[in-house]
C-alpha atoms as a PDB file:
ATOM      1  CA  MET A   1       0.367  -0.301   0.161  1.00  0.00           C
ATOM      2  CA  THR A   2       0.944   3.738  -0.789  1.00  0.00           C
ATOM      3  CA  THR A   3       0.992   5.968   1.851  1.00  0.00           C
ATOM      4  CA  GLN A   4      -0.554   9.595   1.835  1.00  0.00           C
ATOM      5  CA  PRO A   5       2.892  11.872   1.467  1.00  0.00           C
ATOM      6  CA  MET A   6       2.536  14.340   3.772  1.00  0.00           C
ATOM      7  CA  ARG A   7       5.650  17.109   3.139  1.00  0.00           C
ATOM      8  CA  ALA A   8       4.719  20.409   4.327  1.00  0.00           C
ATOM      9  CA  PRO A   9       3.225  23.212   0.703  1.00  0.00           C
ATOM     10  CA  THR A  10       6.226  25.137  -0.391  1.00  0.00           C
ATOM     11  CA  ALA A  11       5.035  28.676  -2.665  1.00  0.00           C
ATOM     12  CA  GLU A  12       8.584  26.960  -4.644  1.00  0.00           C
ATOM     13  CA  GLY A  13       6.045  23.901  -4.869  1.00  0.00           C
ATOM     14  CA  VAL A  14       3.114  25.941  -7.129  1.00  0.00           C
ATOM     15  CA  ALA A  15       6.195  28.109  -9.029  1.00  0.00           C
ATOM     16  CA  ARG A  16       6.985  24.649 -10.166  1.00  0.00           C
ATOM     17  CA  ALA A  17       3.226  23.792 -10.973  1.00  0.00           C
ATOM     18  CA  ALA A  18       2.765  26.809 -12.716  1.00  0.00           C
ATOM     19  CA  LEU A  19       5.453  25.949 -15.191  1.00  0.00           C
ATOM     20  CA  LYS A  20       4.592  22.442 -16.253  1.00  0.00           C
ATOM     21  CA  ILE A  21       0.810  23.528 -16.297  1.00  0.00           C
ATOM     22  CA  THR A  22       2.128  25.919 -18.477  1.00  0.00           C
ATOM     23  CA  GLU A  23       3.335  23.519 -20.707  1.00  0.00           C
ATOM     24  CA  LEU A  24      -0.160  22.321 -21.427  1.00  0.00           C
ATOM     25  CA  LEU A  25      -2.852  24.136 -20.355  1.00  0.00           C
ATOM     26  CA  PRO A  26      -3.760  27.701 -21.979  1.00  0.00           C
ATOM     27  CA  PRO A  27      -4.626  30.512 -19.276  1.00  0.00           C
ATOM     28  CA  THR A  28      -8.145  31.553 -18.359  1.00  0.00           C
ATOM     29  CA  PRO A  29      -9.687  34.902 -18.398  1.00  0.00           C
ATOM     30  CA  LEU A  30      -9.618  36.846 -16.513  1.00  0.00           C
ATOM     31  CA  LEU A  31     -12.263  38.670 -16.453  1.00  0.00           C
ATOM     32  CA  GLU A  32     -12.926  42.998 -15.541  1.00  0.00           C
ATOM     33  CA  ALA A  33     -16.438  43.747 -14.512  1.00  0.00           C
ATOM     34  CA  GLU A  34     -18.079  46.250 -11.953  1.00  0.00           C
ATOM     35  CA  ILE A  35     -20.193  45.471  -8.988  1.00  0.00           C
ATOM     36  CA  GLY A  36     -21.268  48.313  -6.982  1.00  0.00           C
ATOM     37  CA  GLY A  37     -19.567  51.044  -9.120  1.00  0.00           C
ATOM     38  CA  HIS A  38     -15.571  48.548  -8.365  1.00  0.00           C
ATOM     39  CA  THR A  39     -14.165  47.055 -11.029  1.00  0.00           C
ATOM     40  CA  VAL A  40     -13.343  42.684 -10.006  1.00  0.00           C
ATOM     41  CA  TRP A  41     -11.658  40.291 -11.712  1.00  0.00           C
ATOM     42  CA  LEU A  42     -13.164  37.017 -12.287  1.00  0.00           C
ATOM     43  CA  LYS A  43     -11.103  34.800 -13.144  1.00  0.00           C
ATOM     44  CA  ALA A  44     -12.484  32.512 -14.985  1.00  0.00           C
ATOM     45  CA  GLU A  45     -11.935  27.943 -13.895  1.00  0.00           C
ATOM     46  CA  ASN A  46     -15.173  27.422 -15.627  1.00  0.00           C
ATOM     47  CA  LEU A  47     -13.061  27.620 -18.422  1.00  0.00           C
ATOM     48  CA  GLN A  48     -10.723  24.821 -18.109  1.00  0.00           C
ATOM     49  CA  PRO A  49     -11.127  21.441 -20.529  1.00  0.00           C
ATOM     50  CA  VAL A  50     -13.176  19.657 -17.436  1.00  0.00           C
ATOM     51  CA  GLY A  51     -15.091  22.866 -15.892  1.00  0.00           C
ATOM     52  CA  ALA A  52     -12.697  23.327 -12.957  1.00  0.00           C
ATOM     53  CA  PHE A  53      -9.302  24.230 -11.649  1.00  0.00           C
ATOM     54  CA  LYS A  54      -9.367  20.711  -9.755  1.00  0.00           C
ATOM     55  CA  ILE A  55      -7.284  19.971 -13.409  1.00  0.00           C
ATOM     56  CA  ARG A  56      -4.413  21.674 -11.669  1.00  0.00           C
ATOM     57  CA  GLY A  57      -3.573  20.031  -8.999  1.00  0.00           C
ATOM     58  CA  ALA A  58      -3.893  15.934 -10.564  1.00  0.00           C
ATOM     59  CA  TRP A  59      -1.848  16.879 -13.346  1.00  0.00           C
ATOM     60  CA  HIS A  60       0.948  17.836 -10.665  1.00  0.00           C
ATOM     61  CA  ARG A  61       0.205  15.881  -8.286  1.00  0.00           C
ATOM     62  CA  LEU A  62      -0.548  13.139 -11.626  1.00  0.00           C
ATOM     63  CA  SER A  63       2.672  14.161 -12.998  1.00  0.00           C
ATOM     64  CA  ASP A  64       5.016  14.013 -10.417  1.00  0.00           C
ATOM     65  CA  MET A  65       4.247  10.494  -9.956  1.00  0.00           C
ATOM     66  CA  ASP A  66       7.140   7.772 -10.892  1.00  0.00           C
ATOM     67  CA  ALA A  67       6.623   4.798 -13.189  1.00  0.00           C
ATOM     68  CA  ALA A  68       6.413   1.902  -9.970  1.00  0.00           C
ATOM     69  CA  GLU A  69       3.350   4.220  -8.911  1.00  0.00           C
ATOM     70  CA  ARG A  70       1.441   5.203 -12.426  1.00  0.00           C
ATOM     71  CA  ALA A  71       1.057   0.875 -12.664  1.00  0.00           C
ATOM     72  CA  ARG A  72      -0.407   1.076  -9.274  1.00  0.00           C
ATOM     73  CA  GLY A  73      -3.158   3.508 -10.654  1.00  0.00           C
ATOM     74  CA  VAL A  74      -4.179   6.179  -8.747  1.00  0.00           C
ATOM     75  CA  VAL A  75      -7.619   6.343  -6.540  1.00  0.00           C
ATOM     76  CA  GLY A  76      -9.459   9.903  -5.723  1.00  0.00           C
ATOM     77  CA  VAL A  77     -12.874  11.205  -3.846  1.00  0.00           C
ATOM     78  CA  SER A  78     -14.442  13.299  -5.170  1.00  0.00           C
ATOM     79  CA  SER A  79     -18.281  14.869  -5.800  1.00  0.00           C
ATOM     80  CA  GLY A  80     -17.044  15.599  -9.604  1.00  0.00           C
ATOM     81  CA  ASN A  81     -14.869  18.120  -9.879  1.00  0.00           C
ATOM     82  CA  HIS A  82     -11.870  16.731  -8.786  1.00  0.00           C
ATOM     83  CA  ALA A  83     -13.376  13.390 -10.128  1.00  0.00           C
ATOM     84  CA  GLN A  84     -12.270  15.157 -13.152  1.00  0.00           C
ATOM     85  CA  GLY A  85      -9.119  16.592 -13.300  1.00  0.00           C
ATOM     86  CA  VAL A  86      -7.427  13.024 -12.156  1.00  0.00           C
ATOM     87  CA  ALA A  87      -9.384  11.422 -14.263  1.00  0.00           C
ATOM     88  CA  TRP A  88      -8.083  13.656 -17.509  1.00  0.00           C
ATOM     89  CA  ALA A  89      -4.515  13.406 -16.055  1.00  0.00           C
ATOM     90  CA  ALA A  90      -4.497  10.030 -15.950  1.00  0.00           C
ATOM     91  CA  ARG A  91      -6.309   9.244 -19.210  1.00  0.00           C
ATOM     92  CA  ARG A  92      -3.685  11.266 -20.221  1.00  0.00           C
ATOM     93  CA  LEU A  93      -0.261   9.561 -18.564  1.00  0.00           C
ATOM     94  CA  GLY A  94      -1.686   6.515 -19.044  1.00  0.00           C
ATOM     95  CA  ILE A  95      -2.313   5.935 -15.241  1.00  0.00           C
ATOM     96  CA  ALA A  96      -5.814   3.877 -14.458  1.00  0.00           C
ATOM     97  CA  ALA A  97      -7.861   5.551 -12.633  1.00  0.00           C
ATOM     98  CA  THR A  98     -10.540   4.444  -9.526  1.00  0.00           C
ATOM     99  CA  ILE A  99     -12.791   7.797  -8.193  1.00  0.00           C
ATOM    100  CA  VAL A 100     -14.729   7.564  -5.125  1.00  0.00           C
ATOM    101  CA  MET A 101     -18.403   9.513  -5.872  1.00  0.00           C
ATOM    102  CA  PRO A 102     -21.439  10.086  -4.165  1.00  0.00           C
ATOM    103  CA  VAL A 103     -24.498   8.429  -5.009  1.00  0.00           C
ATOM    104  CA  ASP A 104     -26.746  11.796  -5.482  1.00  0.00           C
ATOM    105  CA  ALA A 105     -23.938  13.900  -7.509  1.00  0.00           C
ATOM    106  CA  PRO A 106     -24.879  15.717 -10.470  1.00  0.00           C
ATOM    107  CA  ARG A 107     -25.066  13.145 -12.999  1.00  0.00           C
ATOM    108  CA  VAL A 108     -23.630  15.238 -15.168  1.00  0.00           C
ATOM    109  CA  LYS A 109     -20.236  15.016 -13.499  1.00  0.00           C
ATOM    110  CA  ILE A 110     -20.390  11.157 -12.683  1.00  0.00           C
ATOM    111  CA  ALA A 111     -21.177  10.176 -16.720  1.00  0.00           C
ATOM    112  CA  ALA A 112     -17.591  12.926 -17.337  1.00  0.00           C
ATOM    113  CA  THR A 113     -15.615  11.368 -15.008  1.00  0.00           C
ATOM    114  CA  GLU A 114     -16.234   7.871 -16.355  1.00  0.00           C
ATOM    115  CA  ALA A 115     -16.201   9.803 -20.179  1.00  0.00           C
ATOM    116  CA  LEU A 116     -12.947  10.386 -19.505  1.00  0.00           C
ATOM    117  CA  GLY A 117     -12.437   6.733 -18.633  1.00  0.00           C
ATOM    118  CA  ALA A 118     -12.238   6.426 -15.236  1.00  0.00           C
ATOM    119  CA  SER A 119     -13.541   3.646 -12.605  1.00  0.00           C
ATOM    120  CA  VAL A 120     -16.342   4.843 -10.622  1.00  0.00           C
ATOM    121  CA  VAL A 121     -17.212   3.671  -7.999  1.00  0.00           C
ATOM    122  CA  LEU A 122     -20.257   5.431  -5.865  1.00  0.00           C
ATOM    123  CA  TYR A 123     -21.088   5.724  -2.234  1.00  0.00           C
ATOM    124  CA  ASP A 124     -24.252   6.244   0.179  1.00  0.00           C
ATOM    125  CA  ARG A 125     -23.044  10.443   1.399  1.00  0.00           C
ATOM    126  CA  PRO A 126     -27.192  10.640   1.760  1.00  0.00           C
ATOM    127  CA  GLY A 127     -26.777   7.854   4.014  1.00  0.00           C
ATOM    128  CA  GLY A 128     -23.513   8.962   6.490  1.00  0.00           C
ATOM    129  CA  GLU A 129     -21.544   6.240   3.903  1.00  0.00           C
ATOM    130  CA  ASP A 130     -17.732   7.663   5.167  1.00  0.00           C
ATOM    131  CA  ARG A 131     -15.652   8.424   1.877  1.00  0.00           C
ATOM    132  CA  ASP A 132     -12.130   8.146   2.997  1.00  0.00           C
ATOM    133  CA  GLU A 133     -13.135   4.004   4.101  1.00  0.00           C
ATOM    134  CA  VAL A 134     -13.945   3.270   0.609  1.00  0.00           C
ATOM    135  CA  ALA A 135     -11.767   5.371  -0.847  1.00  0.00           C
ATOM    136  CA  GLN A 136      -8.852   3.248   1.993  1.00  0.00           C
ATOM    137  CA  ARG A 137     -10.465   0.083   1.145  1.00  0.00           C
ATOM    138  CA  LEU A 138      -9.784  -0.160  -2.304  1.00  0.00           C
ATOM    139  CA  VAL A 139      -5.875   1.823  -1.924  1.00  0.00           C
ATOM    140  CA  ASP A 140      -6.132  -1.574   0.275  1.00  0.00           C
ATOM    141  CA  GLN A 141      -6.940  -3.901  -1.564  1.00  0.00           C
ATOM    142  CA  SER A 142      -4.578  -1.909  -4.717  1.00  0.00           C
ATOM    143  CA  GLY A 143      -1.489  -0.472  -3.555  1.00  0.00           C
ATOM    144  CA  ALA A 144      -2.760   2.859  -5.438  1.00  0.00           C
ATOM    145  CA  THR A 145      -1.507   5.826  -4.648  1.00  0.00           C
ATOM    146  CA  LEU A 146      -4.402   7.544  -3.214  1.00  0.00           C
ATOM    147  CA  VAL A 147      -4.970  11.508  -4.747  1.00  0.00           C
ATOM    148  CA  HIS A 148      -6.998  13.752  -2.026  1.00  0.00           C
ATOM    149  CA  ALA A 149      -9.496  16.203  -3.616  1.00  0.00           C
ATOM    150  CA  PHE A 150      -7.631  18.429  -1.275  1.00  0.00           C
ATOM    151  CA  ALA A 151      -5.794  17.424   1.341  1.00  0.00           C
ATOM    152  CA  ASP A 152      -2.349  16.851  -0.391  1.00  0.00           C
ATOM    153  CA  PRO A 153       0.754  18.969  -0.077  1.00  0.00           C
ATOM    154  CA  TRP A 154       0.924  18.210  -4.766  1.00  0.00           C
ATOM    155  CA  ILE A 155      -2.649  19.176  -4.882  1.00  0.00           C
ATOM    156  CA  ILE A 156      -2.988  22.308  -2.917  1.00  0.00           C
ATOM    157  CA  GLU A 157       0.271  23.267  -4.636  1.00  0.00           C
ATOM    158  CA  GLY A 158      -1.286  22.698  -8.038  1.00  0.00           C
ATOM    159  CA  GLN A 159      -4.597  24.558  -7.063  1.00  0.00           C
ATOM    160  CA  GLY A 160      -2.214  27.659  -5.677  1.00  0.00           C
ATOM    161  CA  THR A 161      -1.628  27.976  -9.955  1.00  0.00           C
ATOM    162  CA  VAL A 162      -4.644  30.066 -10.263  1.00  0.00           C
ATOM    163  CA  GLY A 163      -3.485  32.969  -8.404  1.00  0.00           C
ATOM    164  CA  LEU A 164      -0.056  33.159 -10.092  1.00  0.00           C
ATOM    165  CA  GLY A 165      -2.207  32.990 -12.916  1.00  0.00           C
ATOM    166  CA  LEU A 166      -4.313  35.530 -12.947  1.00  0.00           C
ATOM    167  CA  THR A 167      -1.738  37.851 -10.980  1.00  0.00           C
ATOM    168  CA  ALA A 168       0.866  38.040 -13.533  1.00  0.00           C
ATOM    169  CA  GLN A 169      -2.681  38.699 -15.709  1.00  0.00           C
ATOM    170  CA  MET A 170      -4.613  41.868 -13.586  1.00  0.00           C
ATOM    171  CA  ALA A 171      -0.554  42.794 -13.496  1.00  0.00           C
ATOM    172  CA  GLN A 172      -0.159  43.051 -17.031  1.00  0.00           C
ATOM    173  CA  ARG A 173      -4.091  44.713 -17.306  1.00  0.00           C
ATOM    174  CA  THR A 174      -3.504  47.234 -13.750  1.00  0.00           C
ATOM    175  CA  GLY A 175       0.355  47.535 -12.646  1.00  0.00           C
ATOM    176  CA  ARG A 176      -0.333  45.791 -10.020  1.00  0.00           C
ATOM    177  CA  GLY A 177      -1.360  42.170  -8.486  1.00  0.00           C
ATOM    178  CA  PRO A 178      -4.578  42.040  -6.377  1.00  0.00           C
ATOM    179  CA  SER A 179      -5.075  43.692  -3.143  1.00  0.00           C
ATOM    180  CA  ARG A 180      -7.371  40.021  -2.457  1.00  0.00           C
ATOM    181  CA  ILE A 181      -7.965  37.278  -3.671  1.00  0.00           C
ATOM    182  CA  VAL A 182     -11.982  35.622  -3.002  1.00  0.00           C
ATOM    183  CA  VAL A 183     -12.178  32.201  -3.076  1.00  0.00           C
ATOM    184  CA  PRO A 184     -14.060  29.020  -3.443  1.00  0.00           C
ATOM    185  CA  CYS A 185     -13.974  26.643  -0.307  1.00  0.00           C
ATOM    186  CA  GLY A 186     -14.970  22.979   0.483  1.00  0.00           C
ATOM    187  CA  GLY A 187     -11.821  21.663   1.993  1.00  0.00           C
ATOM    188  CA  GLY A 188      -9.280  24.378   1.404  1.00  0.00           C
ATOM    189  CA  GLY A 189      -7.264  23.082  -1.194  1.00  0.00           C
ATOM    190  CA  LEU A 190      -7.162  26.539  -4.215  1.00  0.00           C
ATOM    191  CA  ALA A 191      -7.833  28.591  -0.392  1.00  0.00           C
ATOM    192  CA  ALA A 192      -4.246  27.365   0.889  1.00  0.00           C
ATOM    193  CA  GLY A 193      -2.551  27.105  -2.433  1.00  0.00           C
ATOM    194  CA  VAL A 194      -3.339  30.505  -3.941  1.00  0.00           C
ATOM    195  CA  ALA A 195      -2.667  31.928   0.172  1.00  0.00           C
ATOM    196  CA  LEU A 196       0.696  30.268  -0.581  1.00  0.00           C
ATOM    197  CA  ALA A 197       1.542  31.542  -3.849  1.00  0.00           C
ATOM    198  CA  CYS A 198       0.461  34.895  -2.375  1.00  0.00           C
ATOM    199  CA  PRO A 199       0.779  36.087  -0.175  1.00  0.00           C
ATOM    200  CA  ASP A 200       0.680  39.988  -0.378  1.00  0.00           C
ATOM    201  CA  ALA A 201      -2.976  39.655  -0.913  1.00  0.00           C
ATOM    202  CA  GLU A 202      -5.823  38.750   1.708  1.00  0.00           C
ATOM    203  CA  VAL A 203      -7.489  35.567   0.368  1.00  0.00           C
ATOM    204  CA  VAL A 204     -10.989  35.078   1.986  1.00  0.00           C
ATOM    205  CA  PRO A 205     -12.179  31.507   1.648  1.00  0.00           C
ATOM    206  CA  VAL A 206     -16.051  31.110   0.856  1.00  0.00           C
ATOM    207  CA  GLU A 207     -18.311  28.607   1.658  1.00  0.00           C
ATOM    208  CA  PRO A 208     -22.037  27.884   1.674  1.00  0.00           C
ATOM    209  CA  GLU A 209     -24.387  28.406   5.042  1.00  0.00           C
ATOM    210  CA  HIS A 210     -24.222  25.095   7.215  1.00  0.00           C
ATOM    211  CA  TRP A 211     -20.710  23.680   5.194  1.00  0.00           C
ATOM    212  CA  ASP A 212     -18.897  26.699   6.393  1.00  0.00           C
ATOM    213  CA  ASP A 213     -16.185  24.758   9.049  1.00  0.00           C
ATOM    214  CA  VAL A 214     -13.321  25.998   7.440  1.00  0.00           C
ATOM    215  CA  ARG A 215     -15.040  29.778   8.320  1.00  0.00           C
ATOM    216  CA  ILE A 216     -15.978  28.164  12.881  1.00  0.00           C
ATOM    217  CA  SER A 217     -12.164  26.902  11.829  1.00  0.00           C
ATOM    218  CA  LEU A 218     -10.610  30.423  11.499  1.00  0.00           C
ATOM    219  CA  GLU A 219     -12.372  31.968  14.278  1.00  0.00           C
ATOM    220  CA  ARG A 220     -11.740  30.039  16.795  1.00  0.00           C
ATOM    221  CA  GLY A 221      -8.256  28.740  15.333  1.00  0.00           C
ATOM    222  CA  GLU A 222      -8.562  24.778  15.542  1.00  0.00           C
ATOM    223  CA  ILE A 223     -10.189  22.548  12.863  1.00  0.00           C
ATOM    224  CA  VAL A 224     -14.127  22.499  14.041  1.00  0.00           C
ATOM    225  CA  LYS A 225     -15.930  19.817  11.247  1.00  0.00           C
ATOM    226  CA  VAL A 226     -19.740  19.998   9.926  1.00  0.00           C
ATOM    227  CA  ALA A 227     -22.160  20.565  12.641  1.00  0.00           C
ATOM    228  CA  ASP A 228     -25.219  18.151  10.343  1.00  0.00           C
ATOM    229  CA  PRO A 229     -23.490  17.048   7.134  1.00  0.00           C
ATOM    230  CA  SER A 230     -26.253  15.213   6.207  1.00  0.00           C
ATOM    231  CA  ARG A 231     -28.101  18.493   5.914  1.00  0.00           C
ATOM    232  CA  PRO A 232     -27.720  19.497   1.569  1.00  0.00           C
ATOM    233  CA  THR A 233     -26.803  22.017  -0.316  1.00  0.00           C
ATOM    234  CA  ALA A 234     -26.840  22.702  -3.486  1.00  0.00           C
ATOM    235  CA  CYS A 235     -22.826  23.072  -3.641  1.00  0.00           C
ATOM    236  CA  ASP A 236     -21.339  19.282  -3.853  1.00  0.00           C
ATOM    237  CA  ALA A 237     -18.796  20.705  -5.007  1.00  0.00           C
ATOM    238  CA  LEU A 238     -17.683  22.624  -1.458  1.00  0.00           C
ATOM    239  CA  GLN A 239     -19.342  19.546   0.796  1.00  0.00           C
ATOM    240  CA  THR A 240     -16.658  19.095   3.118  1.00  0.00           C
ATOM    241  CA  PRO A 241     -16.975  17.960   6.066  1.00  0.00           C
ATOM    242  CA  ALA A 242     -14.491  19.392   7.701  1.00  0.00           C
ATOM    243  CA  THR A 243     -10.441  20.988   6.154  1.00  0.00           C
ATOM    244  CA  ARG A 244      -7.268  19.135   7.242  1.00  0.00           C
ATOM    245  CA  PRO A 245      -4.976  19.598   8.963  1.00  0.00           C
ATOM    246  CA  ILE A 246      -2.079  19.778   5.272  1.00  0.00           C
ATOM    247  CA  ASN A 247      -4.227  22.471   4.750  1.00  0.00           C
ATOM    248  CA  PHE A 248      -5.243  24.648   7.164  1.00  0.00           C
ATOM    249  CA  ALA A 249      -1.429  25.419   9.002  1.00  0.00           C
ATOM    250  CA  VAL A 250      -1.985  27.101   5.789  1.00  0.00           C
ATOM    251  CA  LEU A 251      -5.171  29.098   5.887  1.00  0.00           C
ATOM    252  CA  LYS A 252      -4.939  29.778   9.995  1.00  0.00           C
ATOM    253  CA  GLU A 253      -1.836  31.897   8.809  1.00  0.00           C
ATOM    254  CA  ARG A 254      -2.996  34.044   5.558  1.00  0.00           C
ATOM    255  CA  CYS A 255      -6.625  33.776   6.308  1.00  0.00           C
ATOM    256  CA  ALA A 256      -7.743  36.261   8.532  1.00  0.00           C
ATOM    257  CA  PHE A 257     -11.625  34.905   8.389  1.00  0.00           C
ATOM    258  CA  GLY A 258     -13.626  33.067   6.295  1.00  0.00           C
ATOM    259  CA  LEU A 259     -17.352  33.981   4.859  1.00  0.00           C
ATOM    260  CA  ALA A 260     -20.323  32.244   4.544  1.00  0.00           C
ATOM    261  CA  VAL A 261     -22.782  32.838   1.144  1.00  0.00           C
ATOM    262  CA  SER A 262     -26.554  31.237   1.704  1.00  0.00           C
ATOM    263  CA  PRO A 263     -28.152  29.358  -0.893  1.00  0.00           C
ATOM    264  CA  ALA A 264     -30.543  32.572  -2.410  1.00  0.00           C
ATOM    265  CA  GLU A 265     -27.141  33.960  -2.910  1.00  0.00           C
ATOM    266  CA  VAL A 266     -25.890  31.372  -4.664  1.00  0.00           C
ATOM    267  CA  ARG A 267     -28.656  31.562  -7.025  1.00  0.00           C
ATOM    268  CA  ALA A 268     -28.291  34.937  -7.806  1.00  0.00           C
ATOM    269  CA  ALA A 269     -24.959  35.148  -8.738  1.00  0.00           C
ATOM    270  CA  GLN A 270     -25.118  32.224 -11.083  1.00  0.00           C
ATOM    271  CA  ARG A 271     -28.017  34.290 -12.546  1.00  0.00           C
ATOM    272  CA  TRP A 272     -25.713  36.667 -12.749  1.00  0.00           C
ATOM    273  CA  ALA A 273     -22.470  35.675 -13.880  1.00  0.00           C
ATOM    274  CA  PHE A 274     -25.188  33.899 -16.964  1.00  0.00           C
ATOM    275  CA  SER A 275     -25.894  37.531 -17.819  1.00  0.00           C
ATOM    276  CA  GLN A 276     -23.270  39.674 -16.792  1.00  0.00           C
ATOM    277  CA  LEU A 277     -20.418  37.477 -18.441  1.00  0.00           C
ATOM    278  CA  HIS A 278     -22.270  34.808 -20.752  1.00  0.00           C
ATOM    279  CA  LEU A 279     -20.524  31.732 -18.447  1.00  0.00           C
ATOM    280  CA  VAL A 280     -22.378  28.905 -16.729  1.00  0.00           C
ATOM    281  CA  VAL A 281     -21.148  28.031 -13.028  1.00  0.00           C
ATOM    282  CA  GLU A 282     -22.125  25.958 -10.953  1.00  0.00           C
ATOM    283  CA  PRO A 283     -23.468  27.699  -7.166  1.00  0.00           C
ATOM    284  CA  GLY A 284     -20.273  26.284  -5.690  1.00  0.00           C
ATOM    285  CA  GLY A 285     -18.688  27.507  -8.419  1.00  0.00           C
ATOM    286  CA  ALA A 286     -20.006  31.363  -8.074  1.00  0.00           C
ATOM    287  CA  ALA A 287     -19.486  30.578  -4.455  1.00  0.00           C
ATOM    288  CA  ALA A 288     -16.942  33.997  -3.732  1.00  0.00           C
ATOM    289  CA  LEU A 289     -19.352  36.028  -6.856  1.00  0.00           C
ATOM    290  CA  ALA A 290     -21.742  35.655  -4.103  1.00  0.00           C
ATOM    291  CA  ALA A 291     -20.251  37.032  -1.397  1.00  0.00           C
ATOM    292  CA  ALA A 292     -18.883  40.117  -3.396  1.00  0.00           C
ATOM    293  CA  LEU A 293     -22.744  40.360  -4.476  1.00  0.00           C
ATOM    294  CA  ALA A 294     -24.532  40.393  -1.245  1.00  0.00           C
ATOM    295  CA  GLY A 295     -21.553  42.986  -0.213  1.00  0.00           C
ATOM    296  CA  LYS A 296     -20.043  40.857   2.405  1.00  0.00           C
ATOM    297  CA  VAL A 297     -17.149  41.417   0.793  1.00  0.00           C
ATOM    298  CA  SER A 298     -14.935  44.177   0.208  1.00  0.00           C
ATOM    299  CA  LEU A 299     -14.176  45.802  -2.933  1.00  0.00           C
ATOM    300  CA  ASP A 300     -11.573  48.041  -3.981  1.00  0.00           C
ATOM    301  CA  GLY A 301     -10.166  47.564  -7.433  1.00  0.00           C
ATOM    302  CA  GLN A 302      -8.276  45.313  -7.753  1.00  0.00           C
ATOM    303  CA  THR A 303     -10.166  42.541  -5.917  1.00  0.00           C
ATOM    304  CA  ALA A 304     -10.554  39.053  -7.887  1.00  0.00           C
ATOM    305  CA  ILE A 305     -13.004  36.626  -7.645  1.00  0.00           C
ATOM    306  CA  VAL A 306     -12.281  33.162  -8.605  1.00  0.00           C
ATOM    307  CA  LEU A 307     -15.342  31.283 -10.540  1.00  0.00           C
ATOM    308  CA  SER A 308     -13.875  27.362  -9.456  1.00  0.00           C
ATOM    309  CA  GLY A 309     -16.682  26.413 -11.642  1.00  0.00           C
ATOM    310  CA  GLY A 310     -19.408  25.106 -14.901  1.00  0.00           C
ATOM    311  CA  ASN A 311     -19.822  22.049 -14.095  1.00  0.00           C
ATOM    312  CA  THR A 312     -23.588  22.048 -12.951  1.00  0.00           C
ATOM    313  CA  ASP A 313     -26.755  19.500 -14.297  1.00  0.00           C
ATOM    314  CA  ALA A 314     -29.211  21.882 -17.811  1.00  0.00           C
ATOM    315  CA  GLN A 315     -32.140  21.281 -16.545  1.00  0.00           C
ATOM    316  CA  ALA A 316     -31.327  22.231 -12.379  1.00  0.00           C
ATOM    317  CA  PHE A 317     -29.272  25.594 -14.217  1.00  0.00           C
ATOM    318  CA  ALA A 318     -31.457  26.873 -16.756  1.00  0.00           C
ATOM    319  CA  GLN A 319     -33.810  26.445 -12.760  1.00  0.00           C
ATOM    320  CA  VAL A 320     -32.226  28.736 -11.578  1.00  0.00           C
ATOM    321  CA  ILE A 321     -31.500  31.036 -15.121  1.00  0.00           C
ATOM    322  CA  ALA A 322     -35.668  30.910 -14.580  1.00  0.00           C
ATOM    323  CA  GLY A 323     -35.583  31.977 -10.898  1.00  0.00           C
ATOM    324  CA  SER A 324     -35.770  35.121  -8.927  1.00  0.00           C
ATOM    325  CA  ASP A 325     -35.617  34.281  -5.749  1.00  0.00           C
END
């Protein structure tokens, strides 16, 4: 059995990941818009080949595996975006991938993961089945490498390349980097990576209401689990029961606070992105934008907002766009 590497993620690791990703993927757009009379800069990671930023960490992780590790394959756990990132990278590198996904994950995400060649093992999230236990059994059986969705140094470094990219784009457009970067947050892989990559910017993680364990953990100075993990949320991409020490070690040093957004605020952000930017953004991917539109985060003309994903069922998205709440 391979063991989870526990080295600390570093800014140097983010820079190395960026070199690898630049050779592989074109930069996602940085869009200029206005909210409440302030210019904001929106990093459209929903336009990645797999529809989310997760492709970054997955590529950094899998491309660093040696031949023996690649031969044993990988196991991932995800509601869909990390799943597709791992599946995409695994197919390109010729690695067998198995992804543990919840039975209530959006069908579009399950189908896309399978279309990329990964094997999908479903677990009963609503029934309280532990996804990490399911994944560990698969790892024990096969000797595969567990590629965690957020608690992995390579994953954190790869996600941090979002921050390096938008900083370079903003500097080219405005002559300065961001003063603040607002990011959707589940387990904290993206937030921690961006915090490592952008030490001069305030990093603000945003979670859905009732799944805001990182916000509460930052307030209390210790990791706190979600109070009721059976509670549903449309932000499936951010539905993690708790952050991990490897993430929190970075977050508690760099993030002064976190924010939570309501379901109505998330839907309003999805509608705004569609009408103002002509973009499809999934609920979790719209969380940071929701905080900005709701006036929960300061905007100063140099604030960057990450739109982290766009993988949503067509019917669910149509209902959101047609709504008025």
